């Protein structure tokens, strides 16, 4: 009947769903308001947010392309990140549910210790 073993690239054939945590959604709102206030332009703020929101789409087929987030290694979950503009999009991967969970949008211009804040 054939070999029932999974091929080495088994997870490469999977499509993952992007899920945004409440915390990451709050970060998006705060970033939008910041740029809207700073630039006095809804369009500029929207353009920045759209870039951030679309960036994780590349994780749908290749969730492990992001680097490991070393500052969160002490947690029980492996966190990774991708960069969009000045922002780290921090996420975890659940292979069982085929989900990439966006947990934080972190401004890389901030103090790196702030990345430890609750998510």
PDB file of N, CA and C in Angstrom:
ATOM      1  N   UNK A   1       0.808  -1.192   0.000  1.00  0.00           N
ATOM      2  CA  UNK A   1       0.000   0.000   0.000  1.00  0.00           C
ATOM      3  C   UNK A   1       0.854   1.260   0.000  1.00  0.00           C
ATOM      4  N   UNK A   2       2.123   1.133   0.146  1.00  0.00           N
ATOM      5  CA  UNK A   2       2.977   2.313   0.144  1.00  0.00           C
ATOM      6  C   UNK A   2       3.485   2.618   1.536  1.00  0.00           C
ATOM      7  N   UNK A   3       4.446   3.476   1.566  1.00  0.00           N
ATOM      8  CA  UNK A   3       5.087   3.855   2.815  1.00  0.00           C
ATOM      9  C   UNK A   3       4.232   4.885   3.539  1.00  0.00           C
ATOM     10  N   UNK A   4       3.919   4.638   4.805  1.00  0.00           N
ATOM     11  CA  UNK A   4       3.074   5.557   5.565  1.00  0.00           C
ATOM     12  C   UNK A   4       3.885   6.628   6.280  1.00  0.00           C
ATOM     13  N   UNK A   5       5.193   6.599   6.140  1.00  0.00           N
ATOM     14  CA  UNK A   5       6.027   7.613   6.778  1.00  0.00           C
ATOM     15  C   UNK A   5       5.811   8.962   6.098  1.00  0.00           C
ATOM     16  N   UNK A   6       5.891  10.020   6.922  1.00  0.00           N
ATOM     17  CA  UNK A   6       5.750  11.355   6.374  1.00  0.00           C
ATOM     18  C   UNK A   6       7.051  11.752   5.684  1.00  0.00           C
ATOM     19  N   UNK A   7       6.950  12.430   4.544  1.00  0.00           N
ATOM     20  CA  UNK A   7       8.169  12.889   3.877  1.00  0.00           C
ATOM     21  C   UNK A   7       8.879  13.937   4.731  1.00  0.00           C
ATOM     22  N   UNK A   8      10.174  14.117   4.493  1.00  0.00           N
ATOM     23  CA  UNK A   8      10.960  15.077   5.263  1.00  0.00           C
ATOM     24  C   UNK A   8      10.386  16.489   5.178  1.00  0.00           C
ATOM     25  N   UNK A   9       9.820  16.828   4.060  1.00  0.00           N
ATOM     26  CA  UNK A   9       9.282  18.175   3.873  1.00  0.00           C
ATOM     27  C   UNK A   9       7.776  18.232   4.135  1.00  0.00           C
ATOM     28  N   UNK A  10       7.292  17.390   5.037  1.00  0.00           N
ATOM     29  CA  UNK A  10       5.857  17.290   5.326  1.00  0.00           C
ATOM     30  C   UNK A  10       5.248  18.652   5.653  1.00  0.00           C
ATOM     31  N   UNK A  11       5.877  19.415   6.566  1.00  0.00           N
ATOM     32  CA  UNK A  11       5.311  20.696   6.973  1.00  0.00           C
ATOM     33  C   UNK A  11       5.438  21.757   5.885  1.00  0.00           C
ATOM     34  N   UNK A  12       6.338  21.559   4.936  1.00  0.00           N
ATOM     35  CA  UNK A  12       6.480  22.521   3.850  1.00  0.00           C
ATOM     36  C   UNK A  12       5.256  22.530   2.947  1.00  0.00           C
ATOM     37  N   UNK A  13       4.481  21.456   2.954  1.00  0.00           N
ATOM     38  CA  UNK A  13       3.296  21.366   2.105  1.00  0.00           C
ATOM     39  C   UNK A  13       2.041  21.888   2.794  1.00  0.00           C
ATOM     40  N   UNK A  14       2.170  22.309   4.033  1.00  0.00           N
ATOM     41  CA  UNK A  14       1.021  22.760   4.801  1.00  0.00           C
ATOM     42  C   UNK A  14       0.805  24.262   4.618  1.00  0.00           C
ATOM     43  N   UNK A  15      -0.443  24.667   4.788  1.00  0.00           N
ATOM     44  CA  UNK A  15      -0.783  26.083   4.759  1.00  0.00           C
ATOM     45  C   UNK A  15      -1.242  26.461   6.167  1.00  0.00           C
ATOM     46  N   UNK A  16      -0.567  27.428   6.743  1.00  0.00           N
ATOM     47  CA  UNK A  16      -0.862  27.872   8.102  1.00  0.00           C
ATOM     48  C   UNK A  16      -1.807  29.067   8.076  1.00  0.00           C
ATOM     49  N   UNK A  17      -2.599  29.168   9.122  1.00  0.00           N
ATOM     50  CA  UNK A  17      -3.517  30.291   9.282  1.00  0.00           C
ATOM     51  C   UNK A  17      -2.852  31.317  10.198  1.00  0.00           C
ATOM     52  N   UNK A  18      -2.956  32.585   9.847  1.00  0.00           N
ATOM     53  CA  UNK A  18      -2.428  33.662  10.681  1.00  0.00           C
ATOM     54  C   UNK A  18      -3.513  34.068  11.674  1.00  0.00           C
ATOM     55  N   UNK A  19      -3.160  34.070  12.959  1.00  0.00           N
ATOM     56  CA  UNK A  19      -4.087  34.457  14.030  1.00  0.00           C
ATOM     57  C   UNK A  19      -3.430  35.589  14.816  1.00  0.00           C
ATOM     58  N   UNK A  20      -4.171  36.657  15.036  1.00  0.00           N
ATOM     59  CA  UNK A  20      -3.651  37.816  15.765  1.00  0.00           C
ATOM     60  C   UNK A  20      -4.168  37.774  17.199  1.00  0.00           C
ATOM     61  N   UNK A  21      -3.267  37.902  18.171  1.00  0.00           N
ATOM     62  CA  UNK A  21      -3.672  37.967  19.576  1.00  0.00           C
ATOM     63  C   UNK A  21      -4.320  39.323  19.851  1.00  0.00           C
ATOM     64  N   UNK A  22      -5.058  39.395  20.946  1.00  0.00           N
ATOM     65  CA  UNK A  22      -5.662  40.674  21.349  1.00  0.00           C
ATOM     66  C   UNK A  22      -4.570  41.723  21.563  1.00  0.00           C
ATOM     67  N   UNK A  23      -3.478  41.295  22.192  1.00  0.00           N
ATOM     68  CA  UNK A  23      -2.381  42.224  22.456  1.00  0.00           C
ATOM     69  C   UNK A  23      -1.812  42.786  21.156  1.00  0.00           C
ATOM     70  N   UNK A  24      -1.596  41.937  20.167  1.00  0.00           N
ATOM     71  CA  UNK A  24      -1.044  42.417  18.894  1.00  0.00           C
ATOM     72  C   UNK A  24      -2.036  43.341  18.185  1.00  0.00           C
ATOM     73  N   UNK A  25      -3.328  43.061  18.318  1.00  0.00           N
ATOM     74  CA  UNK A  25      -4.343  43.947  17.736  1.00  0.00           C
ATOM     75  C   UNK A  25      -4.316  45.314  18.420  1.00  0.00           C
ATOM     76  N   UNK A  26      -4.112  45.316  19.734  1.00  0.00           N
ATOM     77  CA  UNK A  26      -3.997  46.586  20.462  1.00  0.00           C
ATOM     78  C   UNK A  26      -2.768  47.363  20.003  1.00  0.00           C
ATOM     79  N   UNK A  27      -1.674  46.645  19.763  1.00  0.00           N
ATOM     80  CA  UNK A  27      -0.457  47.290  19.276  1.00  0.00           C
ATOM     81  C   UNK A  27      -0.705  47.939  17.913  1.00  0.00           C
ATOM     82  N   UNK A  28      -1.417  47.241  17.045  1.00  0.00           N
ATOM     83  CA  UNK A  28      -1.755  47.791  15.722  1.00  0.00           C
ATOM     84  C   UNK A  28      -2.544  49.088  15.885  1.00  0.00           C
ATOM     85  N   UNK A  29      -3.536  49.069  16.764  1.00  0.00           N
ATOM     86  CA  UNK A  29      -4.336  50.277  17.010  1.00  0.00           C
ATOM     87  C   UNK A  29      -3.463  51.430  17.503  1.00  0.00           C
ATOM     88  N   UNK A  30      -2.564  51.133  18.441  1.00  0.00           N
ATOM     89  CA  UNK A  30      -1.691  52.176  18.988  1.00  0.00           C
ATOM     90  C   UNK A  30      -0.741  52.728  17.922  1.00  0.00           C
ATOM     91  N   UNK A  31      -0.211  51.862  17.100  1.00  0.00           N
ATOM     92  CA  UNK A  31       0.689  52.304  16.026  1.00  0.00           C
ATOM     93  C   UNK A  31      -0.067  53.198  15.048  1.00  0.00           C
ATOM     94  N   UNK A  32      -1.276  52.786  14.697  1.00  0.00           N
ATOM     95  CA  UNK A  32      -2.093  53.586  13.786  1.00  0.00           C
ATOM     96  C   UNK A  32      -2.334  54.978  14.365  1.00  0.00           C
ATOM     97  N   UNK A  33      -2.770  55.033  15.623  1.00  0.00           N
ATOM     98  CA  UNK A  33      -3.062  56.322  16.253  1.00  0.00           C
ATOM     99  C   UNK A  33      -1.811  57.194  16.351  1.00  0.00           C
ATOM    100  N   UNK A  34      -0.691  56.572  16.649  1.00  0.00           N
ATOM    101  CA  UNK A  34       0.571  57.313  16.734  1.00  0.00           C
ATOM    102  C   UNK A  34       0.898  57.976  15.397  1.00  0.00           C
ATOM    103  N   UNK A  35       0.844  57.207  14.309  1.00  0.00           N
ATOM    104  CA  UNK A  35       1.198  57.765  13.001  1.00  0.00           C
ATOM    105  C   UNK A  35       0.139  58.730  12.480  1.00  0.00           C
ATOM    106  N   UNK A  36      -1.097  58.501  12.831  1.00  0.00           N
ATOM    107  CA  UNK A  36      -2.137  59.434  12.418  1.00  0.00           C
ATOM    108  C   UNK A  36      -1.922  60.781  13.111  1.00  0.00           C
ATOM    109  N   UNK A  37      -1.590  60.740  14.396  1.00  0.00           N
ATOM    110  CA  UNK A  37      -1.337  61.974  15.138  1.00  0.00           C
ATOM    111  C   UNK A  37      -0.048  62.650  14.654  1.00  0.00           C
ATOM    112  N   UNK A  38       0.998  61.861  14.486  1.00  0.00           N
ATOM    113  CA  UNK A  38       2.305  62.406  14.097  1.00  0.00           C
ATOM    114  C   UNK A  38       2.262  63.025  12.703  1.00  0.00           C
ATOM    115  N   UNK A  39       1.627  62.333  11.773  1.00  0.00           N
ATOM    116  CA  UNK A  39       1.613  62.798  10.384  1.00  0.00           C
ATOM    117  C   UNK A  39       0.395  63.655  10.052  1.00  0.00           C
ATOM    118  N   UNK A  40      -0.589  63.636  10.936  1.00  0.00           N
ATOM    119  CA  UNK A  40      -1.866  64.337  10.685  1.00  0.00           C
ATOM    120  C   UNK A  40      -2.538  63.817   9.419  1.00  0.00           C
ATOM    121  N   UNK A  41      -2.272  62.538   9.119  1.00  0.00           N
ATOM    122  CA  UNK A  41      -2.806  61.955   7.895  1.00  0.00           C
ATOM    123  C   UNK A  41      -3.295  60.529   8.137  1.00  0.00           C
ATOM    124  N   UNK A  42      -4.580  60.325   7.893  1.00  0.00           N
ATOM    125  CA  UNK A  42      -5.161  58.988   7.989  1.00  0.00           C
ATOM    126  C   UNK A  42      -4.515  58.063   6.960  1.00  0.00           C
ATOM    127  N   UNK A  43      -4.271  58.576   5.762  1.00  0.00           N
ATOM    128  CA  UNK A  43      -3.734  57.766   4.668  1.00  0.00           C
ATOM    129  C   UNK A  43      -2.323  57.257   4.970  1.00  0.00           C
ATOM    130  N   UNK A  44      -1.491  58.109   5.532  1.00  0.00           N
ATOM    131  CA  UNK A  44      -0.127  57.682   5.874  1.00  0.00           C
ATOM    132  C   UNK A  44      -0.169  56.609   6.952  1.00  0.00           C
ATOM    133  N   UNK A  45      -0.970  56.835   7.980  1.00  0.00           N
ATOM    134  CA  UNK A  45      -1.096  55.845   9.059  1.00  0.00           C
ATOM    135  C   UNK A  45      -1.628  54.526   8.513  1.00  0.00           C
ATOM    136  N   UNK A  46      -2.611  54.600   7.646  1.00  0.00           N
ATOM    137  CA  UNK A  46      -3.195  53.391   7.064  1.00  0.00           C
ATOM    138  C   UNK A  46      -2.165  52.632   6.220  1.00  0.00           C
ATOM    139  N   UNK A  47      -1.365  53.354   5.462  1.00  0.00           N
ATOM    140  CA  UNK A  47      -0.344  52.720   4.618  1.00  0.00           C
ATOM    141  C   UNK A  47       0.659  51.929   5.467  1.00  0.00           C
ATOM    142  N   UNK A  48       1.080  52.501   6.580  1.00  0.00           N
ATOM    143  CA  UNK A  48       2.019  51.824   7.482  1.00  0.00           C
ATOM    144  C   UNK A  48       1.383  50.575   8.073  1.00  0.00           C
ATOM    145  N   UNK A  49       0.135  50.688   8.510  1.00  0.00           N
ATOM    146  CA  UNK A  49      -0.562  49.553   9.124  1.00  0.00           C
ATOM    147  C   UNK A  49      -0.786  48.439   8.110  1.00  0.00           C
ATOM    148  N   UNK A  50      -1.159  48.778   6.900  1.00  0.00           N
ATOM    149  CA  UNK A  50      -1.388  47.753   5.871  1.00  0.00           C
ATOM    150  C   UNK A  50      -0.102  46.963   5.623  1.00  0.00           C
ATOM    151  N   UNK A  51       1.040  47.639   5.586  1.00  0.00           N
ATOM    152  CA  UNK A  51       2.318  46.933   5.400  1.00  0.00           C
ATOM    153  C   UNK A  51       2.568  45.947   6.541  1.00  0.00           C
ATOM    154  N   UNK A  52       2.280  46.373   7.763  1.00  0.00           N
ATOM    155  CA  UNK A  52       2.471  45.490   8.922  1.00  0.00           C
ATOM    156  C   UNK A  52       1.501  44.316   8.860  1.00  0.00           C
ATOM    157  N   UNK A  53       0.251  44.585   8.509  1.00  0.00           N
ATOM    158  CA  UNK A  53      -0.766  43.526   8.466  1.00  0.00           C
ATOM    159  C   UNK A  53      -0.501  42.502   7.369  1.00  0.00           C
ATOM    160  N   UNK A  54       0.081  42.930   6.266  1.00  0.00           N
ATOM    161  CA  UNK A  54       0.344  42.010   5.153  1.00  0.00           C
ATOM    162  C   UNK A  54       1.655  41.234   5.310  1.00  0.00           C
ATOM    163  N   UNK A  55       2.575  41.749   6.100  1.00  0.00           N
ATOM    164  CA  UNK A  55       3.890  41.105   6.250  1.00  0.00           C
ATOM    165  C   UNK A  55       3.806  39.639   6.673  1.00  0.00           C
ATOM    166  N   UNK A  56       2.931  39.260   7.615  1.00  0.00           N
ATOM    167  CA  UNK A  56       2.877  37.847   8.022  1.00  0.00           C
ATOM    168  C   UNK A  56       2.345  36.892   6.955  1.00  0.00           C
ATOM    169  N   UNK A  57       1.826  37.396   5.859  1.00  0.00           N
ATOM    170  CA  UNK A  57       1.321  36.502   4.807  1.00  0.00           C
ATOM    171  C   UNK A  57       2.400  35.546   4.305  1.00  0.00           C
ATOM    172  N   UNK A  58       3.658  35.977   4.348  1.00  0.00           N
ATOM    173  CA  UNK A  58       4.745  35.104   3.893  1.00  0.00           C
ATOM    174  C   UNK A  58       4.948  33.913   4.823  1.00  0.00           C
ATOM    175  N   UNK A  59       4.357  33.960   6.020  1.00  0.00           N
ATOM    176  CA  UNK A  59       4.477  32.862   6.985  1.00  0.00           C
ATOM    177  C   UNK A  59       3.472  31.747   6.719  1.00  0.00           C
ATOM    178  N   UNK A  60       2.497  31.986   5.875  1.00  0.00           N
ATOM    179  CA  UNK A  60       1.443  31.003   5.606  1.00  0.00           C
ATOM    180  C   UNK A  60       2.031  29.690   5.100  1.00  0.00           C
ATOM    181  N   UNK A  61       2.988  29.769   4.207  1.00  0.00           N
ATOM    182  CA  UNK A  61       3.608  28.561   3.646  1.00  0.00           C
ATOM    183  C   UNK A  61       4.961  28.230   4.269  1.00  0.00           C
ATOM    184  N   UNK A  62       5.609  29.226   4.838  1.00  0.00           N
ATOM    185  CA  UNK A  62       6.948  29.019   5.408  1.00  0.00           C
ATOM    186  C   UNK A  62       7.055  29.709   6.770  1.00  0.00           C
ATOM    187  N   UNK A  63       6.382  29.175   7.780  1.00  0.00           N
ATOM    188  CA  UNK A  63       6.347  29.864   9.073  1.00  0.00           C
ATOM    189  C   UNK A  63       7.692  29.947   9.787  1.00  0.00           C
ATOM    190  N   UNK A  64       8.628  29.121   9.429  1.00  0.00           N
ATOM    191  CA  UNK A  64       9.910  29.112  10.134  1.00  0.00           C
ATOM    192  C   UNK A  64      10.967  30.017   9.490  1.00  0.00           C
ATOM    193  N   UNK A  65      10.550  30.881   8.577  1.00  0.00           N
ATOM    194  CA  UNK A  65      11.532  31.781   7.962  1.00  0.00           C
ATOM    195  C   UNK A  65      11.989  32.873   8.922  1.00  0.00           C
ATOM    196  N   UNK A  66      11.182  33.174   9.921  1.00  0.00           N
ATOM    197  CA  UNK A  66      11.575  34.192  10.896  1.00  0.00           C
ATOM    198  C   UNK A  66      12.666  33.687  11.823  1.00  0.00           C
ATOM    199  N   UNK A  67      13.453  34.612  12.322  1.00  0.00           N
ATOM    200  CA  UNK A  67      14.506  34.259  13.269  1.00  0.00           C
ATOM    201  C   UNK A  67      13.914  34.022  14.654  1.00  0.00           C
ATOM    202  N   UNK A  68      14.605  33.229  15.450  1.00  0.00           N
ATOM    203  CA  UNK A  68      14.174  33.019  16.833  1.00  0.00           C
ATOM    204  C   UNK A  68      14.374  34.304  17.619  1.00  0.00           C
ATOM    205  N   UNK A  69      13.405  34.598  18.479  1.00  0.00           N
ATOM    206  CA  UNK A  69      13.494  35.780  19.341  1.00  0.00           C
ATOM    207  C   UNK A  69      14.260  35.393  20.601  1.00  0.00           C
ATOM    208  N   UNK A  70      15.535  35.715  20.626  1.00  0.00           N
ATOM    209  CA  UNK A  70      16.431  35.297  21.703  1.00  0.00           C
ATOM    210  C   UNK A  70      15.992  35.852  23.056  1.00  0.00           C
ATOM    211  N   UNK A  71      15.488  37.070  23.087  1.00  0.00           N
ATOM    212  CA  UNK A  71      15.115  37.673  24.370  1.00  0.00           C
ATOM    213  C   UNK A  71      13.914  36.991  25.018  1.00  0.00           C
ATOM    214  N   UNK A  72      13.227  36.119  24.288  1.00  0.00           N
ATOM    215  CA  UNK A  72      12.084  35.389  24.853  1.00  0.00           C
ATOM    216  C   UNK A  72      12.360  33.890  24.964  1.00  0.00           C
ATOM    217  N   UNK A  73      13.622  33.492  24.822  1.00  0.00           N
ATOM    218  CA  UNK A  73      13.966  32.066  24.856  1.00  0.00           C
ATOM    219  C   UNK A  73      13.655  31.393  26.183  1.00  0.00           C
ATOM    220  N   UNK A  74      13.605  32.144  27.266  1.00  0.00           N
ATOM    221  CA  UNK A  74      13.334  31.556  28.576  1.00  0.00           C
ATOM    222  C   UNK A  74      11.869  31.132  28.742  1.00  0.00           C
ATOM    223  N   UNK A  75      11.019  31.534  27.840  1.00  0.00           N
ATOM    224  CA  UNK A  75       9.602  31.147  27.899  1.00  0.00           C
ATOM    225  C   UNK A  75       9.453  29.716  27.391  1.00  0.00           C
ATOM    226  N   UNK A  76       8.342  29.092  27.701  1.00  0.00           N
ATOM    227  CA  UNK A  76       8.103  27.705  27.289  1.00  0.00           C
ATOM    228  C   UNK A  76       7.710  27.576  25.825  1.00  0.00           C
ATOM    229  N   UNK A  77       7.489  28.687  25.173  1.00  0.00           N
ATOM    230  CA  UNK A  77       7.073  28.702  23.768  1.00  0.00           C
ATOM    231  C   UNK A  77       8.214  29.286  22.939  1.00  0.00           C
ATOM    232  N   UNK A  78       8.450  28.703  21.767  1.00  0.00           N
ATOM    233  CA  UNK A  78       9.453  29.274  20.870  1.00  0.00           C
ATOM    234  C   UNK A  78       8.823  30.436  20.106  1.00  0.00           C
ATOM    235  N   UNK A  79       9.412  31.611  20.261  1.00  0.00           N
ATOM    236  CA  UNK A  79       8.950  32.787  19.536  1.00  0.00           C
ATOM    237  C   UNK A  79       9.933  33.101  18.419  1.00  0.00           C
ATOM    238  N   UNK A  80       9.383  33.533  17.307  1.00  0.00           N
ATOM    239  CA  UNK A  80      10.165  33.956  16.153  1.00  0.00           C
ATOM    240  C   UNK A  80       9.699  35.349  15.756  1.00  0.00           C
ATOM    241  N   UNK A  81      10.423  35.961  14.847  1.00  0.00           N
ATOM    242  CA  UNK A  81       9.994  37.279  14.385  1.00  0.00           C
ATOM    243  C   UNK A  81      10.405  37.510  12.936  1.00  0.00           C
ATOM    244  N   UNK A  82       9.653  38.396  12.317  1.00  0.00           N
ATOM    245  CA  UNK A  82      10.015  38.958  11.023  1.00  0.00           C
ATOM    246  C   UNK A  82      10.019  40.473  11.208  1.00  0.00           C
ATOM    247  N   UNK A  83      10.680  41.164  10.326  1.00  0.00           N
ATOM    248  CA  UNK A  83      10.783  42.622  10.416  1.00  0.00           C
ATOM    249  C   UNK A  83       9.975  43.263   9.294  1.00  0.00           C
ATOM    250  N   UNK A  84       9.225  44.285   9.661  1.00  0.00           N
ATOM    251  CA  UNK A  84       8.551  45.140   8.682  1.00  0.00           C
ATOM    252  C   UNK A  84       8.785  46.581   9.118  1.00  0.00           C
ATOM    253  N   UNK A  85       9.468  47.335   8.290  1.00  0.00           N
ATOM    254  CA  UNK A  85       9.852  48.713   8.615  1.00  0.00           C
ATOM    255  C   UNK A  85      10.626  48.699   9.934  1.00  0.00           C
ATOM    256  N   UNK A  86      10.144  49.440  10.922  1.00  0.00           N
ATOM    257  CA  UNK A  86      10.820  49.496  12.224  1.00  0.00           C
ATOM    258  C   UNK A  86      10.206  48.537  13.239  1.00  0.00           C
ATOM    259  N   UNK A  87       9.446  47.576  12.775  1.00  0.00           N
ATOM    260  CA  UNK A  87       8.693  46.720  13.693  1.00  0.00           C
ATOM    261  C   UNK A  87       9.085  45.256  13.590  1.00  0.00           C
ATOM    262  N   UNK A  88       9.236  44.643  14.770  1.00  0.00           N
ATOM    263  CA  UNK A  88       9.384  43.197  14.866  1.00  0.00           C
ATOM    264  C   UNK A  88       7.981  42.637  15.016  1.00  0.00           C
ATOM    265  N   UNK A  89       7.616  41.734  14.147  1.00  0.00           N
ATOM    266  CA  UNK A  89       6.341  41.032  14.261  1.00  0.00           C
ATOM    267  C   UNK A  89       6.681  39.689  14.898  1.00  0.00           C
ATOM    268  N   UNK A  90       6.341  39.562  16.167  1.00  0.00           N
ATOM    269  CA  UNK A  90       6.728  38.394  16.959  1.00  0.00           C
ATOM    270  C   UNK A  90       5.591  37.386  16.941  1.00  0.00           C
ATOM    271  N   UNK A  91       5.948  36.123  16.719  1.00  0.00           N
ATOM    272  CA  UNK A  91       4.922  35.091  16.570  1.00  0.00           C
ATOM    273  C   UNK A  91       5.395  33.748  17.099  1.00  0.00           C
ATOM    274  N   UNK A  92       4.422  32.864  17.292  1.00  0.00           N
ATOM    275  CA  UNK A  92       4.705  31.468  17.636  1.00  0.00           C
ATOM    276  C   UNK A  92       4.018  30.593  16.592  1.00  0.00           C
ATOM    277  N   UNK A  93       4.447  29.345  16.525  1.00  0.00           N
ATOM    278  CA  UNK A  93       3.915  28.405  15.536  1.00  0.00           C
ATOM    279  C   UNK A  93       3.289  27.228  16.264  1.00  0.00           C
ATOM    280  N   UNK A  94       2.083  26.849  15.846  1.00  0.00           N
ATOM    281  CA  UNK A  94       1.443  25.637  16.362  1.00  0.00           C
ATOM    282  C   UNK A  94       1.232  24.709  15.170  1.00  0.00           C
ATOM    283  N   UNK A  95       2.071  23.671  15.085  1.00  0.00           N
ATOM    284  CA  UNK A  95       1.990  22.746  13.954  1.00  0.00           C
ATOM    285  C   UNK A  95       0.741  21.874  14.005  1.00  0.00           C
ATOM    286  N   UNK A  96       0.233  21.590  15.201  1.00  0.00           N
ATOM    287  CA  UNK A  96      -0.960  20.745  15.317  1.00  0.00           C
ATOM    288  C   UNK A  96      -2.190  21.426  14.742  1.00  0.00           C
ATOM    289  N   UNK A  97      -2.353  22.712  15.055  1.00  0.00           N
ATOM    290  CA  UNK A  97      -3.520  23.446  14.553  1.00  0.00           C
ATOM    291  C   UNK A  97      -3.208  24.223  13.279  1.00  0.00           C
ATOM    292  N   UNK A  98      -1.960  24.115  12.811  1.00  0.00           N
ATOM    293  CA  UNK A  98      -1.512  24.843  11.613  1.00  0.00           C
ATOM    294  C   UNK A  98      -1.788  26.343  11.745  1.00  0.00           C
ATOM    295  N   UNK A  99      -1.360  26.900  12.878  1.00  0.00           N
ATOM    296  CA  UNK A  99      -1.561  28.323  13.123  1.00  0.00           C
ATOM    297  C   UNK A  99      -0.240  29.028  13.411  1.00  0.00           C
ATOM    298  N   UNK A 100      -0.144  30.218  12.881  1.00  0.00           N
ATOM    299  CA  UNK A 100       0.910  31.153  13.246  1.00  0.00           C
ATOM    300  C   UNK A 100       0.206  32.232  14.055  1.00  0.00           C
ATOM    301  N   UNK A 101       0.597  32.363  15.316  1.00  0.00           N
ATOM    302  CA  UNK A 101      -0.056  33.318  16.217  1.00  0.00           C
ATOM    303  C   UNK A 101       0.837  34.542  16.393  1.00  0.00           C
ATOM    304  N   UNK A 102       0.362  35.670  15.901  1.00  0.00           N
ATOM    305  CA  UNK A 102       1.080  36.932  16.067  1.00  0.00           C
ATOM    306  C   UNK A 102       0.797  37.415  17.488  1.00  0.00           C
ATOM    307  N   UNK A 103       1.858  37.560  18.283  1.00  0.00           N
ATOM    308  CA  UNK A 103       1.666  37.911  19.691  1.00  0.00           C
ATOM    309  C   UNK A 103       2.078  39.340  20.020  1.00  0.00           C
ATOM    310  N   UNK A 104       2.896  39.957  19.178  1.00  0.00           N
ATOM    311  CA  UNK A 104       3.356  41.307  19.491  1.00  0.00           C
ATOM    312  C   UNK A 104       3.852  41.992  18.224  1.00  0.00           C
ATOM    313  N   UNK A 105       3.673  43.293  18.195  1.00  0.00           N
ATOM    314  CA  UNK A 105       4.267  44.147  17.172  1.00  0.00           C
ATOM    315  C   UNK A 105       5.154  45.103  17.956  1.00  0.00           C
ATOM    316  N   UNK A 106       6.451  44.909  17.862  1.00  0.00           N
ATOM    317  CA  UNK A 106       7.388  45.626  18.723  1.00  0.00           C
ATOM    318  C   UNK A 106       8.203  46.621  17.915  1.00  0.00           C
ATOM    319  N   UNK A 107       8.151  47.883  18.326  1.00  0.00           N
ATOM    320  CA  UNK A 107       8.927  48.935  17.673  1.00  0.00           C
ATOM    321  C   UNK A 107      10.399  48.753  18.049  1.00  0.00           C
ATOM    322  N   UNK A 108      11.231  48.491  17.067  1.00  0.00           N
ATOM    323  CA  UNK A 108      12.642  48.201  17.330  1.00  0.00           C
ATOM    324  C   UNK A 108      13.419  49.424  17.810  1.00  0.00           C
ATOM    325  N   UNK A 109      12.797  50.590  17.785  1.00  0.00           N
ATOM    326  CA  UNK A 109      13.455  51.799  18.293  1.00  0.00           C
ATOM    327  C   UNK A 109      13.278  51.942  19.805  1.00  0.00           C
ATOM    328  N   UNK A 110      12.472  51.074  20.399  1.00  0.00           N
ATOM    329  CA  UNK A 110      12.254  51.095  21.846  1.00  0.00           C
ATOM    330  C   UNK A 110      13.386  50.373  22.569  1.00  0.00           C
ATOM    331  N   UNK A 111      13.393  50.535  23.876  1.00  0.00           N
ATOM    332  CA  UNK A 111      14.318  49.788  24.724  1.00  0.00           C
ATOM    333  C   UNK A 111      14.034  48.300  24.547  1.00  0.00           C
ATOM    334  N   UNK A 112      15.025  47.500  24.182  1.00  0.00           N
ATOM    335  CA  UNK A 112      14.801  46.062  23.954  1.00  0.00           C
ATOM    336  C   UNK A 112      14.222  45.325  25.159  1.00  0.00           C
ATOM    337  N   UNK A 113      14.441  45.833  26.355  1.00  0.00           N
ATOM    338  CA  UNK A 113      13.897  45.177  27.547  1.00  0.00           C
ATOM    339  C   UNK A 113      12.371  45.223  27.576  1.00  0.00           C
ATOM    340  N   UNK A 114      11.779  46.167  26.870  1.00  0.00           N
ATOM    341  CA  UNK A 114      10.317  46.266  26.831  1.00  0.00           C
ATOM    342  C   UNK A 114       9.673  45.081  26.128  1.00  0.00           C
ATOM    343  N   UNK A 115      10.439  44.320  25.390  1.00  0.00           N
ATOM    344  CA  UNK A 115       9.888  43.171  24.674  1.00  0.00           C
ATOM    345  C   UNK A 115       9.354  42.126  25.653  1.00  0.00           C
ATOM    346  N   UNK A 116       9.801  42.197  26.901  1.00  0.00           N
ATOM    347  CA  UNK A 116       9.377  41.259  27.939  1.00  0.00           C
ATOM    348  C   UNK A 116       7.959  41.533  28.440  1.00  0.00           C
ATOM    349  N   UNK A 117       7.375  42.661  28.060  1.00  0.00           N
ATOM    350  CA  UNK A 117       6.047  42.991  28.582  1.00  0.00           C
ATOM    351  C   UNK A 117       5.059  41.883  28.262  1.00  0.00           C
ATOM    352  N   UNK A 118       3.992  41.835  29.040  1.00  0.00           N
ATOM    353  CA  UNK A 118       2.993  40.769  28.869  1.00  0.00           C
ATOM    354  C   UNK A 118       2.333  40.861  27.514  1.00  0.00           C
ATOM    355  N   UNK A 119       2.049  39.695  26.964  1.00  0.00           N
ATOM    356  CA  UNK A 119       1.417  39.611  25.650  1.00  0.00           C
ATOM    357  C   UNK A 119       0.074  38.954  25.753  1.00  0.00           C
TER     358      UNK A 119
END
